[in-house]
Amino acid sequence: MFSDDEILYSGFVLKELRHVLDNETEFAERLEFLRQEPTFTFAKATEEDYDFARALESGFNFDLSFFDCMHIAMSKRLGCILVTREKLLIEKAKNYIAVDKPENLSP
């Protein structure tokens, strides 16, 4: 098992992963890992998440991407800690949700 904690991922994470890998074979392998590893759970965005993310995006004067705003919205709704190393995302998100860098989380 990868971890004892549940790790959520969204379609937005998959889109980012597909873009970064830019290789369908590698993406398919990573996707299969996510589906097979019991620690990982797919979280589906709701219409409310989209609405809140659009409001955040505008409120942040578009300094954060829509995907980052969606991660804030989904983390808020699900009561999850958002894990990222992006300084600006951490700064903006901490007013709405729990957010931290992976190295600061206890094992």
N, C-alpha and C. Protein backbone atom coordinates (compact mmCIF):
# COMPACT_ATOMS: atom_id res chain seq x y z
N MET A 1 0.84 -1.17 0.00
CA MET A 1 0.00 0.00 0.00
C MET A 1 0.88 1.24 0.00
N PHE A 2 0.47 2.24 -0.73
CA PHE A 2 1.21 3.49 -0.90
C PHE A 2 1.21 4.34 0.37
N SER A 3 0.06 4.44 1.05
CA SER A 3 -0.08 5.29 2.22
C SER A 3 -1.25 4.79 3.05
N ASP A 4 -1.29 5.19 4.34
CA ASP A 4 -2.43 4.86 5.18
C ASP A 4 -3.54 5.88 5.05
N ASP A 5 -3.24 7.04 4.49
CA ASP A 5 -4.22 8.11 4.33
C ASP A 5 -4.90 8.01 2.97
N GLU A 6 -6.15 8.44 2.94
CA GLU A 6 -6.87 8.51 1.67
C GLU A 6 -6.37 9.74 0.91
N ILE A 7 -6.07 9.56 -0.36
CA ILE A 7 -5.60 10.64 -1.21
C ILE A 7 -6.61 10.81 -2.34
N LEU A 8 -7.21 12.00 -2.40
CA LEU A 8 -8.20 12.27 -3.43
C LEU A 8 -7.56 12.92 -4.64
N TYR A 9 -8.07 12.57 -5.81
CA TYR A 9 -7.63 13.24 -7.03
C TYR A 9 -8.87 13.50 -7.87
N SER A 10 -8.77 14.49 -8.73
CA SER A 10 -9.91 14.89 -9.54
C SER A 10 -9.59 14.78 -11.02
N GLY A 11 -10.60 15.03 -11.81
CA GLY A 11 -10.40 15.09 -13.25
C GLY A 11 -9.44 16.20 -13.64
N PHE A 12 -9.38 17.25 -12.82
CA PHE A 12 -8.46 18.35 -13.08
C PHE A 12 -7.01 17.90 -12.88
N VAL A 13 -6.78 17.06 -11.88
CA VAL A 13 -5.45 16.49 -11.68
C VAL A 13 -5.09 15.60 -12.87
N LEU A 14 -6.05 14.83 -13.35
CA LEU A 14 -5.78 13.96 -14.50
C LEU A 14 -5.46 14.79 -15.75
N LYS A 15 -6.17 15.89 -15.95
CA LYS A 15 -5.88 16.76 -17.10
C LYS A 15 -4.48 17.33 -17.00
N GLU A 16 -4.09 17.77 -15.81
CA GLU A 16 -2.75 18.30 -15.61
C GLU A 16 -1.70 17.21 -15.84
N LEU A 17 -1.97 16.02 -15.33
CA LEU A 17 -1.04 14.90 -15.50
C LEU A 17 -0.88 14.55 -16.98
N ARG A 18 -1.99 14.50 -17.70
CA ARG A 18 -1.93 14.20 -19.13
C ARG A 18 -1.09 15.24 -19.86
N HIS A 19 -1.28 16.51 -19.51
CA HIS A 19 -0.53 17.60 -20.16
C HIS A 19 0.96 17.50 -19.85
N VAL A 20 1.30 17.27 -18.58
CA VAL A 20 2.71 17.21 -18.16
C VAL A 20 3.41 16.02 -18.80
N LEU A 21 2.75 14.87 -18.81
CA LEU A 21 3.39 13.67 -19.37
C LEU A 21 3.50 13.75 -20.88
N ASP A 22 2.47 14.28 -21.53
CA ASP A 22 2.46 14.41 -22.99
C ASP A 22 2.82 13.10 -23.69
N ASN A 23 2.37 11.99 -23.07
CA ASN A 23 2.63 10.66 -23.63
C ASN A 23 1.48 9.77 -23.16
N GLU A 24 0.66 9.32 -24.10
CA GLU A 24 -0.55 8.57 -23.75
C GLU A 24 -0.25 7.24 -23.05
N THR A 25 0.85 6.60 -23.42
CA THR A 25 1.21 5.34 -22.79
C THR A 25 1.57 5.56 -21.32
N GLU A 26 2.40 6.57 -21.06
CA GLU A 26 2.76 6.88 -19.67
C GLU A 26 1.53 7.32 -18.88
N PHE A 27 0.67 8.12 -19.50
CA PHE A 27 -0.54 8.56 -18.81
C PHE A 27 -1.42 7.37 -18.46
N ALA A 28 -1.58 6.45 -19.38
CA ALA A 28 -2.41 5.26 -19.13
C ALA A 28 -1.84 4.43 -17.98
N GLU A 29 -0.53 4.32 -17.91
CA GLU A 29 0.12 3.59 -16.81
C GLU A 29 -0.14 4.27 -15.47
N ARG A 30 -0.01 5.59 -15.44
CA ARG A 30 -0.25 6.34 -14.19
C ARG A 30 -1.71 6.26 -13.77
N LEU A 31 -2.60 6.35 -14.76
CA LEU A 31 -4.03 6.25 -14.48
C LEU A 31 -4.39 4.88 -13.92
N GLU A 32 -3.81 3.85 -14.48
CA GLU A 32 -4.05 2.49 -13.98
C GLU A 32 -3.56 2.35 -12.55
N PHE A 33 -2.41 2.93 -12.24
CA PHE A 33 -1.90 2.92 -10.87
C PHE A 33 -2.91 3.57 -9.92
N LEU A 34 -3.40 4.76 -10.29
CA LEU A 34 -4.37 5.47 -9.44
C LEU A 34 -5.62 4.62 -9.22
N ARG A 35 -6.07 3.95 -10.25
CA ARG A 35 -7.29 3.14 -10.13
C ARG A 35 -7.07 1.88 -9.30
N GLN A 36 -5.87 1.32 -9.34
CA GLN A 36 -5.59 0.07 -8.63
C GLN A 36 -5.18 0.28 -7.18
N GLU A 37 -4.53 1.38 -6.89
CA GLU A 37 -4.04 1.65 -5.54
C GLU A 37 -5.21 2.05 -4.65
N PRO A 38 -5.51 1.30 -3.59
CA PRO A 38 -6.69 1.59 -2.77
C PRO A 38 -6.62 2.91 -2.01
N THR A 39 -5.46 3.47 -1.86
CA THR A 39 -5.31 4.74 -1.15
C THR A 39 -5.89 5.91 -1.96
N PHE A 40 -5.88 5.80 -3.27
CA PHE A 40 -6.34 6.89 -4.14
C PHE A 40 -7.83 6.74 -4.44
N THR A 41 -8.55 7.87 -4.32
CA THR A 41 -9.98 7.90 -4.59
C THR A 41 -10.28 9.05 -5.53
N PHE A 42 -11.06 8.77 -6.55
CA PHE A 42 -11.45 9.82 -7.49
C PHE A 42 -12.57 10.65 -6.88
N ALA A 43 -12.42 11.98 -6.91
CA ALA A 43 -13.44 12.90 -6.40
C ALA A 43 -13.98 13.70 -7.58
N LYS A 44 -15.28 13.65 -7.73
CA LYS A 44 -15.94 14.34 -8.84
C LYS A 44 -16.37 15.74 -8.42
N ALA A 45 -16.11 16.70 -9.28
CA ALA A 45 -16.51 18.08 -9.02
C ALA A 45 -18.02 18.23 -9.18
N THR A 46 -18.57 19.14 -8.39
CA THR A 46 -20.00 19.43 -8.47
C THR A 46 -20.22 20.80 -9.12
N GLU A 47 -21.46 21.10 -9.44
CA GLU A 47 -21.80 22.40 -10.00
C GLU A 47 -21.46 23.52 -9.01
N GLU A 48 -21.66 23.23 -7.72
CA GLU A 48 -21.32 24.21 -6.69
C GLU A 48 -19.82 24.48 -6.66
N ASP A 49 -19.02 23.43 -6.87
CA ASP A 49 -17.57 23.61 -6.94
C ASP A 49 -17.21 24.57 -8.07
N TYR A 50 -17.83 24.36 -9.24
CA TYR A 50 -17.55 25.22 -10.39
C TYR A 50 -17.93 26.67 -10.08
N ASP A 51 -19.10 26.86 -9.48
CA ASP A 51 -19.55 28.22 -9.15
C ASP A 51 -18.60 28.89 -8.17
N PHE A 52 -18.22 28.17 -7.11
CA PHE A 52 -17.32 28.74 -6.11
C PHE A 52 -15.95 29.02 -6.73
N ALA A 53 -15.46 28.13 -7.56
CA ALA A 53 -14.15 28.31 -8.20
C ALA A 53 -14.16 29.54 -9.11
N ARG A 54 -15.23 29.75 -9.84
CA ARG A 54 -15.32 30.95 -10.70
C ARG A 54 -15.32 32.22 -9.86
N ALA A 55 -16.02 32.19 -8.71
CA ALA A 55 -16.03 33.34 -7.82
C ALA A 55 -14.64 33.59 -7.24
N LEU A 56 -13.96 32.51 -6.85
CA LEU A 56 -12.59 32.64 -6.34
C LEU A 56 -11.67 33.22 -7.41
N GLU A 57 -11.76 32.66 -8.60
CA GLU A 57 -10.89 33.09 -9.70
C GLU A 57 -11.03 34.60 -9.92
N SER A 58 -12.26 35.08 -9.95
CA SER A 58 -12.53 36.50 -10.13
C SER A 58 -12.04 37.29 -8.92
N GLY A 59 -12.32 36.79 -7.72
CA GLY A 59 -11.90 37.45 -6.49
C GLY A 59 -10.39 37.56 -6.35
N PHE A 60 -9.69 36.61 -6.92
CA PHE A 60 -8.22 36.62 -6.90
C PHE A 60 -7.66 37.39 -8.09
N ASN A 61 -8.53 38.08 -8.83
CA ASN A 61 -8.12 38.84 -10.02
C ASN A 61 -7.38 37.96 -11.03
N PHE A 62 -7.79 36.70 -11.09
CA PHE A 62 -7.26 35.73 -12.05
C PHE A 62 -5.77 35.47 -11.84
N ASP A 63 -5.28 35.71 -10.61
CA ASP A 63 -3.88 35.39 -10.28
C ASP A 63 -3.66 33.88 -10.19
N LEU A 64 -4.72 33.14 -9.85
CA LEU A 64 -4.66 31.67 -9.80
C LEU A 64 -5.42 31.10 -10.98
N SER A 65 -4.97 29.96 -11.45
CA SER A 65 -5.67 29.29 -12.55
C SER A 65 -7.02 28.77 -12.08
N PHE A 66 -7.90 28.54 -13.02
CA PHE A 66 -9.20 27.95 -12.70
C PHE A 66 -9.01 26.59 -12.04
N PHE A 67 -8.05 25.80 -12.50
CA PHE A 67 -7.80 24.49 -11.89
C PHE A 67 -7.42 24.64 -10.42
N ASP A 68 -6.56 25.61 -10.10
CA ASP A 68 -6.19 25.84 -8.70
C ASP A 68 -7.42 26.24 -7.88
N CYS A 69 -8.25 27.09 -8.45
CA CYS A 69 -9.48 27.49 -7.76
C CYS A 69 -10.42 26.30 -7.57
N MET A 70 -10.46 25.41 -8.53
CA MET A 70 -11.27 24.20 -8.38
C MET A 70 -10.73 23.32 -7.25
N HIS A 71 -9.42 23.25 -7.14
CA HIS A 71 -8.84 22.45 -6.06
C HIS A 71 -9.22 23.05 -4.70
N ILE A 72 -9.24 24.36 -4.60
CA ILE A 72 -9.67 25.01 -3.35
C ILE A 72 -11.14 24.68 -3.09
N ALA A 73 -11.98 24.85 -4.10
CA ALA A 73 -13.41 24.61 -3.94
C ALA A 73 -13.71 23.17 -3.53
N MET A 74 -13.08 22.22 -4.19
CA MET A 74 -13.33 20.81 -3.88
C MET A 74 -12.78 20.45 -2.49
N SER A 75 -11.62 20.98 -2.15
CA SER A 75 -11.06 20.71 -0.82
C SER A 75 -11.96 21.27 0.27
N LYS A 76 -12.52 22.44 0.02
CA LYS A 76 -13.43 23.06 0.99
C LYS A 76 -14.67 22.18 1.18
N ARG A 77 -15.28 21.79 0.07
CA ARG A 77 -16.51 20.97 0.14
C ARG A 77 -16.25 19.63 0.82
N LEU A 78 -15.12 19.03 0.52
CA LEU A 78 -14.83 17.69 1.02
C LEU A 78 -14.12 17.69 2.38
N GLY A 79 -13.73 18.88 2.84
CA GLY A 79 -13.05 18.97 4.13
C GLY A 79 -11.66 18.34 4.11
N CYS A 80 -10.99 18.48 2.99
CA CYS A 80 -9.67 17.86 2.80
C CYS A 80 -8.55 18.90 2.91
N ILE A 81 -7.38 18.42 3.18
CA ILE A 81 -6.19 19.26 3.14
C ILE A 81 -5.71 19.30 1.69
N LEU A 82 -5.49 20.48 1.18
CA LEU A 82 -4.93 20.63 -0.15
C LEU A 82 -3.41 20.57 -0.02
N VAL A 83 -2.79 19.69 -0.76
CA VAL A 83 -1.35 19.50 -0.68
C VAL A 83 -0.72 20.04 -1.97
N THR A 84 0.16 21.02 -1.80
CA THR A 84 0.80 21.66 -2.94
C THR A 84 2.10 22.33 -2.51
N ARG A 85 2.96 22.58 -3.45
CA ARG A 85 4.18 23.35 -3.18
C ARG A 85 4.09 24.76 -3.77
N GLU A 86 3.00 25.06 -4.45
CA GLU A 86 2.84 26.36 -5.09
C GLU A 86 2.59 27.44 -4.04
N LYS A 87 3.55 28.36 -3.91
CA LYS A 87 3.49 29.39 -2.86
C LYS A 87 2.25 30.27 -2.97
N LEU A 88 1.94 30.72 -4.17
CA LEU A 88 0.79 31.61 -4.34
C LEU A 88 -0.51 30.87 -4.01
N LEU A 89 -0.61 29.62 -4.42
CA LEU A 89 -1.80 28.83 -4.11
C LEU A 89 -1.94 28.66 -2.61
N ILE A 90 -0.86 28.36 -1.93
CA ILE A 90 -0.90 28.22 -0.47
C ILE A 90 -1.37 29.52 0.17
N GLU A 91 -0.79 30.62 -0.27
CA GLU A 91 -1.12 31.93 0.30
C GLU A 91 -2.61 32.25 0.14
N LYS A 92 -3.14 32.03 -1.05
CA LYS A 92 -4.55 32.35 -1.32
C LYS A 92 -5.49 31.34 -0.68
N ALA A 93 -5.14 30.06 -0.72
CA ALA A 93 -6.03 29.00 -0.24
C ALA A 93 -6.18 28.98 1.27
N LYS A 94 -5.16 29.39 2.00
CA LYS A 94 -5.19 29.26 3.46
C LYS A 94 -6.30 30.09 4.11
N ASN A 95 -6.88 31.02 3.37
CA ASN A 95 -8.02 31.78 3.88
C ASN A 95 -9.34 31.01 3.79
N TYR A 96 -9.32 29.86 3.11
CA TYR A 96 -10.53 29.09 2.88
C TYR A 96 -10.46 27.65 3.39
N ILE A 97 -9.26 27.08 3.34
CA ILE A 97 -9.11 25.65 3.63
C ILE A 97 -7.77 25.39 4.34
N ALA A 98 -7.61 24.15 4.79
CA ALA A 98 -6.30 23.69 5.28
C ALA A 98 -5.45 23.37 4.04
N VAL A 99 -4.25 23.90 4.02
CA VAL A 99 -3.35 23.69 2.89
C VAL A 99 -1.93 23.63 3.41
N ASP A 100 -1.12 22.74 2.83
CA ASP A 100 0.27 22.62 3.27
C ASP A 100 1.10 21.94 2.20
N LYS A 101 2.41 22.04 2.38
CA LYS A 101 3.36 21.35 1.50
C LYS A 101 3.45 19.89 1.93
N PRO A 102 3.72 19.00 1.00
CA PRO A 102 3.78 17.57 1.35
C PRO A 102 4.83 17.26 2.42
N GLU A 103 5.96 17.96 2.38
CA GLU A 103 7.01 17.66 3.35
C GLU A 103 6.65 18.10 4.77
N ASN A 104 5.61 18.90 4.92
CA ASN A 104 5.17 19.33 6.25
C ASN A 104 4.12 18.42 6.86
N LEU A 105 3.65 17.46 6.09
CA LEU A 105 2.63 16.54 6.61
C LEU A 105 3.30 15.39 7.30
N SER A 106 2.74 14.97 8.42
CA SER A 106 3.35 13.85 9.14
C SER A 106 3.05 12.54 8.44
N PRO A 107 4.00 11.62 8.51
CA PRO A 107 3.84 10.33 7.81
C PRO A 107 2.76 9.46 8.42
